[in-house]
Amino acid sequence: MSELEKRVYTSQSNVQHPWKMIKDMLQDIKRGQDLAKRLTIRDIKALYRQSFLGVLWAFIIPIANTLTWILLNASGIIKLGESTSLPYPIYVFTGTMIWAMFLESMQSPINLTTQNKSVLAKVNFPREAIIMSAVYQSLFNASIKTVILVIALAFLGYFGGYTLLLFPLAMLSMVLIGTTIGLMLTPISTLYTDISKGLPLIMQFLMYTAPVIYAIPKEGRMADVIRANPLTPLIETARSWLTGSMGDFLPEFFIINAINLLLLAFMFVAYRLALPILIERMNA
């Protein structure tokens, strides 16, 4: 019989022993893999078991949003203009689907931490399993959207060619940057529900500062705002790879992803440090 692992708990802060904290975190990530997969399978089954339309919801909402903007643009009520290289319906459809990948991955760690409040407070398990499960679920949902995008674009005659093979990298980048932002918001949103309630409104506004439903203007203040948005290179590169080109933001794409990986690692540590305080506040 294998010897049980010994773990010593002290009153000292983990910050005083950073290397030990990082070592413990990496061990917990490894130990939590199986639990994260089980949580992912459980949540996905529960989600689609209680839904009549199932996975169809993965593209019903983006398609509805796409049709809304197409009709508004075609009627002249709102003049959004045309993209430089793509018909507007394809431009807005790819934009809304890519944005949905980012949005869902940002909300996932917040929702999972909130849903598992009682378990976190009562059961001692690798907390990183919650975040890994959030990433797995986001990747699953993003994969469904990717399949839908590829089929729809091929049907419309916009098969991406060899650049389509790069799109999983763009999909992964949207999921990871969404997870990073979600981890930043998780501690405060766990304690105060105002964040979760106000987040959709804030993200709806932020969508207009990214090239989701309209192309980047050639000049003007709005052009500067959109180009300064760190999501712009990710969205534009993902759209370009889907439709057969390398895009104009390739250097920025890799720079932002490199920065995000560092931020994601930092937020994993911050989440681990903040969780005991959050659990204490939840039990108060």
C-alpha atoms as a PDB file:
ATOM      1  CA  MET A   1       0.000   0.000   0.000  1.00  0.00           C
ATOM      2  CA  SER A   2       1.414   3.376  -1.000  1.00  0.00           C
ATOM      3  CA  GLU A   3       2.160   5.840   1.770  1.00  0.00           C
ATOM      4  CA  LEU A   4      -0.301   8.692   2.116  1.00  0.00           C
ATOM      5  CA  GLU A   5       0.975  12.137   1.250  1.00  0.00           C
ATOM      6  CA  LYS A   6       1.763  14.293   4.266  1.00  0.00           C
ATOM      7  CA  ARG A   7       0.725  17.933   4.156  1.00  0.00           C
ATOM      8  CA  VAL A   8       1.560  20.385   6.941  1.00  0.00           C
ATOM      9  CA  TYR A   9      -0.606  23.486   7.465  1.00  0.00           C
ATOM     10  CA  THR A  10       0.851  26.477   9.293  1.00  0.00           C
ATOM     11  CA  SER A  11      -0.319  29.958  10.220  1.00  0.00           C
ATOM     12  CA  GLN A  12       2.426  31.514   8.097  1.00  0.00           C
ATOM     13  CA  SER A  13       1.480  33.140   4.821  1.00  0.00           C
ATOM     14  CA  ASN A  14       2.446  31.302   1.642  1.00  0.00           C
ATOM     15  CA  VAL A  15       3.954  34.538   0.365  1.00  0.00           C
ATOM     16  CA  GLN A  16       6.807  34.075   2.853  1.00  0.00           C
ATOM     17  CA  HIS A  17       7.798  30.872   1.037  1.00  0.00           C
ATOM     18  CA  PRO A  18       7.208  31.645  -2.674  1.00  0.00           C
ATOM     19  CA  TRP A  19       9.100  28.683  -4.125  1.00  0.00           C
ATOM     20  CA  LYS A  20       7.286  26.227  -1.880  1.00  0.00           C
ATOM     21  CA  MET A  21       3.987  27.883  -2.807  1.00  0.00           C
ATOM     22  CA  ILE A  22       4.729  27.528  -6.530  1.00  0.00           C
ATOM     23  CA  LYS A  23       5.798  23.900  -6.032  1.00  0.00           C
ATOM     24  CA  ASP A  24       2.587  23.124  -4.118  1.00  0.00           C
ATOM     25  CA  MET A  25       0.508  24.873  -6.772  1.00  0.00           C
ATOM     26  CA  LEU A  26       2.082  22.841  -9.586  1.00  0.00           C
ATOM     27  CA  GLN A  27       1.497  19.649  -7.605  1.00  0.00           C
ATOM     28  CA  ASP A  28      -2.147  20.607  -7.035  1.00  0.00           C
ATOM     29  CA  ILE A  29      -2.583  21.348 -10.741  1.00  0.00           C
ATOM     30  CA  LYS A  30      -1.308  17.846 -11.487  1.00  0.00           C
ATOM     31  CA  ARG A  31      -3.433  16.258  -8.740  1.00  0.00           C
ATOM     32  CA  GLY A  32      -6.513  18.184  -9.834  1.00  0.00           C
ATOM     33  CA  GLN A  33      -6.463  17.077 -13.479  1.00  0.00           C
ATOM     34  CA  ASP A  34      -8.774  14.110 -12.974  1.00  0.00           C
ATOM     35  CA  LEU A  35     -11.190  16.108 -10.826  1.00  0.00           C
ATOM     36  CA  ALA A  36     -11.215  18.930 -13.384  1.00  0.00           C
ATOM     37  CA  LYS A  37     -12.149  16.488 -16.148  1.00  0.00           C
ATOM     38  CA  ARG A  38     -14.911  14.971 -14.019  1.00  0.00           C
ATOM     39  CA  LEU A  39     -16.307  18.415 -13.198  1.00  0.00           C
ATOM     40  CA  THR A  40     -16.202  19.335 -16.880  1.00  0.00           C
ATOM     41  CA  ILE A  41     -18.057  16.214 -17.988  1.00  0.00           C
ATOM     42  CA  ARG A  42     -20.605  16.612 -15.177  1.00  0.00           C
ATOM     43  CA  ASP A  43     -21.339  20.263 -15.992  1.00  0.00           C
ATOM     44  CA  ILE A  44     -21.538  19.735 -19.761  1.00  0.00           C
ATOM     45  CA  LYS A  45     -23.903  16.779 -19.359  1.00  0.00           C
ATOM     46  CA  ALA A  46     -26.056  18.716 -16.891  1.00  0.00           C
ATOM     47  CA  LEU A  47     -26.170  21.734 -19.200  1.00  0.00           C
ATOM     48  CA  TYR A  48     -27.313  19.850 -22.285  1.00  0.00           C
ATOM     49  CA  ARG A  49     -29.500  17.339 -20.427  1.00  0.00           C
ATOM     50  CA  GLN A  50     -31.684  20.202 -19.206  1.00  0.00           C
ATOM     51  CA  SER A  51     -31.823  21.853 -22.641  1.00  0.00           C
ATOM     52  CA  PHE A  52     -34.145  20.765 -25.449  1.00  0.00           C
ATOM     53  CA  LEU A  53     -31.994  22.352 -28.175  1.00  0.00           C
ATOM     54  CA  GLY A  54     -28.699  21.226 -26.632  1.00  0.00           C
ATOM     55  CA  VAL A  55     -25.578  22.286 -28.531  1.00  0.00           C
ATOM     56  CA  LEU A  56     -27.703  24.328 -30.939  1.00  0.00           C
ATOM     57  CA  TRP A  57     -27.568  27.146 -28.379  1.00  0.00           C
ATOM     58  CA  ALA A  58     -23.857  27.438 -29.169  1.00  0.00           C
ATOM     59  CA  PHE A  59     -24.718  29.227 -32.395  1.00  0.00           C
ATOM     60  CA  ILE A  60     -28.383  30.276 -32.100  1.00  0.00           C
ATOM     61  CA  ILE A  61     -27.528  33.416 -30.112  1.00  0.00           C
ATOM     62  CA  PRO A  62     -24.554  34.462 -32.316  1.00  0.00           C
ATOM     63  CA  ILE A  63     -26.653  33.897 -35.450  1.00  0.00           C
ATOM     64  CA  ALA A  64     -29.512  35.944 -33.965  1.00  0.00           C
ATOM     65  CA  ASN A  65     -27.073  38.759 -33.159  1.00  0.00           C
ATOM     66  CA  THR A  66     -25.595  38.523 -36.648  1.00  0.00           C
ATOM     67  CA  LEU A  67     -29.008  38.769 -38.319  1.00  0.00           C
ATOM     68  CA  THR A  68     -29.886  41.771 -36.156  1.00  0.00           C
ATOM     69  CA  TRP A  69     -26.808  43.735 -37.251  1.00  0.00           C
ATOM     70  CA  ILE A  70     -27.203  42.674 -40.889  1.00  0.00           C
ATOM     71  CA  LEU A  71     -30.808  43.925 -40.944  1.00  0.00           C
ATOM     72  CA  LEU A  72     -29.908  47.188 -39.194  1.00  0.00           C
ATOM     73  CA  ASN A  73     -27.045  47.777 -41.592  1.00  0.00           C
ATOM     74  CA  ALA A  74     -29.057  46.843 -44.697  1.00  0.00           C
ATOM     75  CA  SER A  75     -32.005  49.054 -43.710  1.00  0.00           C
ATOM     76  CA  GLY A  76     -29.769  52.062 -43.158  1.00  0.00           C
ATOM     77  CA  ILE A  77     -30.973  52.540 -39.570  1.00  0.00           C
ATOM     78  CA  ILE A  78     -27.373  52.051 -38.456  1.00  0.00           C
ATOM     79  CA  LYS A  79     -24.633  52.458 -41.049  1.00  0.00           C
ATOM     80  CA  LEU A  80     -21.799  50.182 -40.059  1.00  0.00           C
ATOM     81  CA  GLY A  81     -20.030  50.141 -43.378  1.00  0.00           C
ATOM     82  CA  GLU A  82     -18.377  47.264 -45.181  1.00  0.00           C
ATOM     83  CA  SER A  83     -15.202  45.441 -44.296  1.00  0.00           C
ATOM     84  CA  THR A  84     -12.304  45.899 -46.682  1.00  0.00           C
ATOM     85  CA  SER A  85     -12.090  42.271 -47.801  1.00  0.00           C
ATOM     86  CA  LEU A  86     -15.186  40.388 -46.614  1.00  0.00           C
ATOM     87  CA  PRO A  87     -18.926  40.730 -47.209  1.00  0.00           C
ATOM     88  CA  TYR A  88     -20.542  42.251 -44.143  1.00  0.00           C
ATOM     89  CA  PRO A  89     -22.617  39.137 -43.194  1.00  0.00           C
ATOM     90  CA  ILE A  90     -19.448  37.014 -43.038  1.00  0.00           C
ATOM     91  CA  TYR A  91     -17.535  39.750 -41.205  1.00  0.00           C
ATOM     92  CA  VAL A  92     -20.138  40.157 -38.469  1.00  0.00           C
ATOM     93  CA  PHE A  93     -20.845  36.407 -38.162  1.00  0.00           C
ATOM     94  CA  THR A  94     -17.182  35.547 -37.594  1.00  0.00           C
ATOM     95  CA  GLY A  95     -16.818  38.520 -35.250  1.00  0.00           C
ATOM     96  CA  THR A  96     -19.769  37.592 -33.040  1.00  0.00           C
ATOM     97  CA  MET A  97     -18.721  33.932 -32.833  1.00  0.00           C
ATOM     98  CA  ILE A  98     -15.134  34.823 -31.884  1.00  0.00           C
ATOM     99  CA  TRP A  99     -16.402  37.373 -29.345  1.00  0.00           C
ATOM    100  CA  ALA A 100     -18.701  34.713 -27.856  1.00  0.00           C
ATOM    101  CA  MET A 101     -15.667  32.440 -27.317  1.00  0.00           C
ATOM    102  CA  PHE A 102     -13.934  35.204 -25.376  1.00  0.00           C
ATOM    103  CA  LEU A 103     -17.024  36.168 -23.393  1.00  0.00           C
ATOM    104  CA  GLU A 104     -17.864  32.622 -22.310  1.00  0.00           C
ATOM    105  CA  SER A 105     -14.284  31.907 -21.251  1.00  0.00           C
ATOM    106  CA  MET A 106     -14.238  35.103 -19.171  1.00  0.00           C
ATOM    107  CA  GLN A 107     -17.492  34.230 -17.393  1.00  0.00           C
ATOM    108  CA  SER A 108     -16.601  30.559 -16.835  1.00  0.00           C
ATOM    109  CA  PRO A 109     -14.187  30.876 -13.843  1.00  0.00           C
ATOM    110  CA  ILE A 110     -16.536  33.392 -12.214  1.00  0.00           C
ATOM    111  CA  ASN A 111     -19.569  31.140 -12.628  1.00  0.00           C
ATOM    112  CA  LEU A 112     -17.824  27.933 -11.540  1.00  0.00           C
ATOM    113  CA  THR A 113     -16.314  29.493  -8.425  1.00  0.00           C
ATOM    114  CA  THR A 114     -19.693  30.965  -7.477  1.00  0.00           C
ATOM    115  CA  GLN A 115     -21.545  27.689  -8.136  1.00  0.00           C
ATOM    116  CA  ASN A 116     -19.065  25.709  -6.020  1.00  0.00           C
ATOM    117  CA  LYS A 117     -19.014  28.081  -3.028  1.00  0.00           C
ATOM    118  CA  SER A 118     -20.349  25.512  -0.588  1.00  0.00           C
ATOM    119  CA  VAL A 119     -17.995  22.779  -1.822  1.00  0.00           C
ATOM    120  CA  LEU A 120     -14.989  25.101  -1.582  1.00  0.00           C
ATOM    121  CA  ALA A 121     -15.931  25.964   1.987  1.00  0.00           C
ATOM    122  CA  LYS A 122     -16.487  22.372   3.176  1.00  0.00           C
ATOM    123  CA  VAL A 123     -14.229  20.077   1.135  1.00  0.00           C
ATOM    124  CA  ASN A 124     -10.444  20.183   0.907  1.00  0.00           C
ATOM    125  CA  PHE A 125      -9.419  19.511  -2.696  1.00  0.00           C
ATOM    126  CA  PRO A 126      -7.051  21.108  -5.247  1.00  0.00           C
ATOM    127  CA  ARG A 127      -8.703  24.468  -5.885  1.00  0.00           C
ATOM    128  CA  GLU A 128      -6.980  24.754  -9.257  1.00  0.00           C
ATOM    129  CA  ALA A 129      -9.352  22.029 -10.491  1.00  0.00           C
ATOM    130  CA  ILE A 130     -12.100  24.674 -10.637  1.00  0.00           C
ATOM    131  CA  ILE A 131     -10.057  26.869 -12.980  1.00  0.00           C
ATOM    132  CA  MET A 132      -8.916  23.951 -15.126  1.00  0.00           C
ATOM    133  CA  SER A 133     -12.529  22.837 -15.444  1.00  0.00           C
ATOM    134  CA  ALA A 134     -13.459  26.371 -16.523  1.00  0.00           C
ATOM    135  CA  VAL A 135     -10.781  26.250 -19.233  1.00  0.00           C
ATOM    136  CA  TYR A 136     -11.871  22.784 -20.411  1.00  0.00           C
ATOM    137  CA  GLN A 137     -15.513  23.845 -20.658  1.00  0.00           C
ATOM    138  CA  SER A 138     -14.557  27.007 -22.537  1.00  0.00           C
ATOM    139  CA  LEU A 139     -12.442  24.981 -24.975  1.00  0.00           C
ATOM    140  CA  PHE A 140     -15.325  22.552 -25.509  1.00  0.00           C
ATOM    141  CA  ASN A 141     -17.775  25.355 -26.279  1.00  0.00           C
ATOM    142  CA  ALA A 142     -15.239  27.152 -28.467  1.00  0.00           C
ATOM    143  CA  SER A 143     -14.595  23.931 -30.413  1.00  0.00           C
ATOM    144  CA  ILE A 144     -18.302  23.605 -31.193  1.00  0.00           C
ATOM    145  CA  LYS A 145     -18.354  27.198 -32.447  1.00  0.00           C
ATOM    146  CA  THR A 146     -15.249  26.536 -34.543  1.00  0.00           C
ATOM    147  CA  VAL A 147     -16.878  23.578 -36.286  1.00  0.00           C
ATOM    148  CA  ILE A 148     -19.972  25.680 -36.981  1.00  0.00           C
ATOM    149  CA  LEU A 149     -17.830  28.542 -38.317  1.00  0.00           C
ATOM    150  CA  VAL A 150     -15.850  26.287 -40.657  1.00  0.00           C
ATOM    151  CA  ILE A 151     -18.982  24.590 -42.025  1.00  0.00           C
ATOM    152  CA  ALA A 152     -20.806  27.906 -42.512  1.00  0.00           C
ATOM    153  CA  LEU A 153     -17.844  29.592 -44.219  1.00  0.00           C
ATOM    154  CA  ALA A 154     -17.214  26.589 -46.483  1.00  0.00           C
ATOM    155  CA  PHE A 155     -20.898  26.640 -47.473  1.00  0.00           C
ATOM    156  CA  LEU A 156     -20.572  30.344 -48.335  1.00  0.00           C
ATOM    157  CA  GLY A 157     -17.402  29.764 -50.352  1.00  0.00           C
ATOM    158  CA  TYR A 158     -14.882  31.132 -47.858  1.00  0.00           C
ATOM    159  CA  PHE A 159     -12.816  28.077 -47.013  1.00  0.00           C
ATOM    160  CA  GLY A 160      -9.720  29.256 -45.178  1.00  0.00           C
ATOM    161  CA  GLY A 161      -7.195  26.916 -46.796  1.00  0.00           C
ATOM    162  CA  TYR A 162      -3.926  26.272 -44.971  1.00  0.00           C
ATOM    163  CA  THR A 163      -4.447  29.235 -42.610  1.00  0.00           C
ATOM    164  CA  LEU A 164      -7.444  27.378 -41.196  1.00  0.00           C
ATOM    165  CA  LEU A 165      -4.969  25.030 -39.512  1.00  0.00           C
ATOM    166  CA  LEU A 166      -3.776  28.001 -37.444  1.00  0.00           C
ATOM    167  CA  PHE A 167      -7.237  28.867 -36.137  1.00  0.00           C
ATOM    168  CA  PRO A 168      -7.081  26.509 -33.100  1.00  0.00           C
ATOM    169  CA  LEU A 169      -4.190  28.679 -31.886  1.00  0.00           C
ATOM    170  CA  ALA A 170      -6.396  31.772 -32.209  1.00  0.00           C
ATOM    171  CA  MET A 171      -9.250  29.952 -30.468  1.00  0.00           C
ATOM    172  CA  LEU A 172      -6.928  28.982 -27.611  1.00  0.00           C
ATOM    173  CA  SER A 173      -5.705  32.571 -27.282  1.00  0.00           C
ATOM    174  CA  MET A 174      -9.283  33.876 -26.951  1.00  0.00           C
ATOM    175  CA  VAL A 175     -10.036  31.270 -24.275  1.00  0.00           C
ATOM    176  CA  LEU A 176      -6.870  31.988 -22.289  1.00  0.00           C
ATOM    177  CA  ILE A 177      -7.180  35.773 -22.333  1.00  0.00           C
ATOM    178  CA  GLY A 178     -10.825  35.404 -21.308  1.00  0.00           C
ATOM    179  CA  THR A 179      -9.773  33.104 -18.458  1.00  0.00           C
ATOM    180  CA  THR A 180      -7.147  35.618 -17.304  1.00  0.00           C
ATOM    181  CA  ILE A 181      -9.674  38.446 -17.130  1.00  0.00           C
ATOM    182  CA  GLY A 182     -12.188  36.119 -15.479  1.00  0.00           C
ATOM    183  CA  LEU A 183      -9.645  35.231 -12.779  1.00  0.00           C
ATOM    184  CA  MET A 184      -9.042  38.933 -12.152  1.00  0.00           C
ATOM    185  CA  LEU A 185     -12.764  39.444 -11.548  1.00  0.00           C
ATOM    186  CA  THR A 186     -13.489  36.197  -9.664  1.00  0.00           C
ATOM    187  CA  PRO A 187     -12.498  37.276  -6.118  1.00  0.00           C
ATOM    188  CA  ILE A 188     -14.627  40.417  -6.050  1.00  0.00           C
ATOM    189  CA  SER A 189     -17.517  38.888  -8.015  1.00  0.00           C
ATOM    190  CA  THR A 190     -17.643  35.982  -5.540  1.00  0.00           C
ATOM    191  CA  LEU A 191     -18.234  38.407  -2.681  1.00  0.00           C
ATOM    192  CA  TYR A 192     -20.394  40.948  -4.504  1.00  0.00           C
ATOM    193  CA  THR A 193     -23.018  39.913  -7.052  1.00  0.00           C
ATOM    194  CA  ASP A 194     -22.985  43.397  -8.592  1.00  0.00           C
ATOM    195  CA  ILE A 195     -20.045  42.366 -10.779  1.00  0.00           C
ATOM    196  CA  SER A 196     -21.856  39.393 -12.314  1.00  0.00           C
ATOM    197  CA  LYS A 197     -24.983  41.473 -12.883  1.00  0.00           C
ATOM    198  CA  GLY A 198     -23.157  44.430 -14.413  1.00  0.00           C
ATOM    199  CA  LEU A 199     -20.655  42.456 -16.483  1.00  0.00           C
ATOM    200  CA  PRO A 200     -22.951  41.796 -19.500  1.00  0.00           C
ATOM    201  CA  LEU A 201     -23.684  45.521 -19.767  1.00  0.00           C
ATOM    202  CA  ILE A 202     -19.998  46.429 -19.579  1.00  0.00           C
ATOM    203  CA  MET A 203     -19.003  43.789 -22.127  1.00  0.00           C
ATOM    204  CA  GLN A 204     -21.738  44.928 -24.507  1.00  0.00           C
ATOM    205  CA  PHE A 205     -20.177  48.385 -24.457  1.00  0.00           C
ATOM    206  CA  LEU A 206     -16.635  47.020 -24.832  1.00  0.00           C
ATOM    207  CA  MET A 207     -17.703  45.008 -27.877  1.00  0.00           C
ATOM    208  CA  TYR A 208     -18.135  48.299 -29.737  1.00  0.00           C
ATOM    209  CA  THR A 209     -14.467  49.133 -29.076  1.00  0.00           C
ATOM    210  CA  ALA A 210     -13.347  45.976 -30.921  1.00  0.00           C
ATOM    211  CA  PRO A 211     -13.696  44.952 -34.599  1.00  0.00           C
ATOM    212  CA  VAL A 212     -16.607  42.605 -33.944  1.00  0.00           C
ATOM    213  CA  ILE A 213     -19.524  44.087 -35.888  1.00  0.00           C
ATOM    214  CA  TYR A 214     -17.732  46.720 -37.961  1.00  0.00           C
ATOM    215  CA  ALA A 215     -14.322  47.143 -39.543  1.00  0.00           C
ATOM    216  CA  ILE A 216     -11.631  49.367 -38.080  1.00  0.00           C
ATOM    217  CA  PRO A 217     -12.143  52.927 -39.383  1.00  0.00           C
ATOM    218  CA  LYS A 218      -9.274  54.256 -41.474  1.00  0.00           C
ATOM    219  CA  GLU A 219      -8.982  57.397 -39.360  1.00  0.00           C
ATOM    220  CA  GLY A 220     -10.542  59.248 -36.456  1.00  0.00           C
ATOM    221  CA  ARG A 221     -10.691  58.841 -32.695  1.00  0.00           C
ATOM    222  CA  MET A 222     -12.637  55.577 -32.882  1.00  0.00           C
ATOM    223  CA  ALA A 223      -9.921  54.103 -35.091  1.00  0.00           C
ATOM    224  CA  ASP A 224      -7.357  54.915 -32.384  1.00  0.00           C
ATOM    225  CA  VAL A 225      -9.576  53.376 -29.682  1.00  0.00           C
ATOM    226  CA  ILE A 226     -10.090  50.126 -31.600  1.00  0.00           C
ATOM    227  CA  ARG A 227      -6.417  49.795 -32.518  1.00  0.00           C
ATOM    228  CA  ALA A 228      -5.447  50.356 -28.872  1.00  0.00           C
ATOM    229  CA  ASN A 229      -7.776  47.548 -27.733  1.00  0.00           C
ATOM    230  CA  PRO A 230      -5.609  44.478 -26.941  1.00  0.00           C
ATOM    231  CA  LEU A 231      -8.404  42.223 -28.205  1.00  0.00           C
ATOM    232  CA  THR A 232      -8.260  43.744 -31.696  1.00  0.00           C
ATOM    233  CA  PRO A 233      -5.162  41.803 -32.886  1.00  0.00           C
ATOM    234  CA  LEU A 234      -6.637  38.565 -31.522  1.00  0.00           C
ATOM    235  CA  ILE A 235     -10.025  39.016 -33.202  1.00  0.00           C
ATOM    236  CA  GLU A 236      -8.602  40.268 -36.503  1.00  0.00           C
ATOM    237  CA  THR A 237      -6.002  37.493 -36.691  1.00  0.00           C
ATOM    238  CA  ALA A 238      -8.584  34.819 -35.860  1.00  0.00           C
ATOM    239  CA  ARG A 239     -10.932  36.158 -38.539  1.00  0.00           C
ATOM    240  CA  SER A 240      -8.104  36.343 -41.088  1.00  0.00           C
ATOM    241  CA  TRP A 241      -7.028  32.753 -40.460  1.00  0.00           C
ATOM    242  CA  LEU A 242     -10.614  31.604 -40.846  1.00  0.00           C
ATOM    243  CA  THR A 243     -11.024  33.324 -44.205  1.00  0.00           C
ATOM    244  CA  GLY A 244      -7.682  32.519 -45.826  1.00  0.00           C
ATOM    245  CA  SER A 245      -5.177  35.272 -45.002  1.00  0.00           C
ATOM    246  CA  MET A 246      -2.473  35.871 -42.407  1.00  0.00           C
ATOM    247  CA  GLY A 247      -3.840  39.266 -41.343  1.00  0.00           C
ATOM    248  CA  ASP A 248      -2.190  42.585 -40.493  1.00  0.00           C
ATOM    249  CA  PHE A 249      -1.746  42.083 -36.736  1.00  0.00           C
ATOM    250  CA  LEU A 250       0.482  39.008 -36.531  1.00  0.00           C
ATOM    251  CA  PRO A 251       3.331  40.538 -34.441  1.00  0.00           C
ATOM    252  CA  GLU A 252       0.836  42.111 -32.025  1.00  0.00           C
ATOM    253  CA  PHE A 253      -1.014  38.779 -31.807  1.00  0.00           C
ATOM    254  CA  PHE A 254       2.046  36.925 -30.504  1.00  0.00           C
ATOM    255  CA  ILE A 255       3.168  39.769 -28.222  1.00  0.00           C
ATOM    256  CA  ILE A 256      -0.246  39.988 -26.541  1.00  0.00           C
ATOM    257  CA  ASN A 257      -0.393  36.212 -26.110  1.00  0.00           C
ATOM    258  CA  ALA A 258       3.075  36.158 -24.530  1.00  0.00           C
ATOM    259  CA  ILE A 259       2.056  38.901 -22.084  1.00  0.00           C
ATOM    260  CA  ASN A 260      -1.194  37.093 -21.345  1.00  0.00           C
ATOM    261  CA  LEU A 261       0.597  33.844 -20.472  1.00  0.00           C
ATOM    262  CA  LEU A 262       2.607  35.722 -17.846  1.00  0.00           C
ATOM    263  CA  LEU A 263      -0.561  37.368 -16.517  1.00  0.00           C
ATOM    264  CA  LEU A 264      -2.368  34.023 -16.444  1.00  0.00           C
ATOM    265  CA  ALA A 265       0.421  32.463 -14.372  1.00  0.00           C
ATOM    266  CA  PHE A 266       0.311  35.440 -12.006  1.00  0.00           C
ATOM    267  CA  MET A 267      -3.484  35.196 -11.688  1.00  0.00           C
ATOM    268  CA  PHE A 268      -3.244  31.472 -10.864  1.00  0.00           C
ATOM    269  CA  VAL A 269      -1.005  32.414  -7.938  1.00  0.00           C
ATOM    270  CA  ALA A 270      -3.276  35.317  -6.937  1.00  0.00           C
ATOM    271  CA  TYR A 271      -6.341  33.038  -7.074  1.00  0.00           C
ATOM    272  CA  ARG A 272      -4.609  30.516  -4.820  1.00  0.00           C
ATOM    273  CA  LEU A 273      -3.683  33.243  -2.310  1.00  0.00           C
ATOM    274  CA  ALA A 274      -7.106  34.900  -2.370  1.00  0.00           C
ATOM    275  CA  LEU A 275      -9.219  31.755  -2.079  1.00  0.00           C
ATOM    276  CA  PRO A 276      -8.661  31.086   1.669  1.00  0.00           C
ATOM    277  CA  ILE A 277      -9.728  34.669   2.408  1.00  0.00           C
ATOM    278  CA  LEU A 278     -12.765  34.297   0.148  1.00  0.00           C
ATOM    279  CA  ILE A 279     -13.752  31.024   1.839  1.00  0.00           C
ATOM    280  CA  GLU A 280     -13.454  32.681   5.244  1.00  0.00           C
ATOM    281  CA  ARG A 281     -15.644  35.567   4.087  1.00  0.00           C
ATOM    282  CA  MET A 282     -18.181  33.165   2.586  1.00  0.00           C
ATOM    283  CA  ASN A 283     -18.461  31.328   5.912  1.00  0.00           C
ATOM    284  CA  ALA A 284     -18.805  34.555   7.902  1.00  0.00           C
END
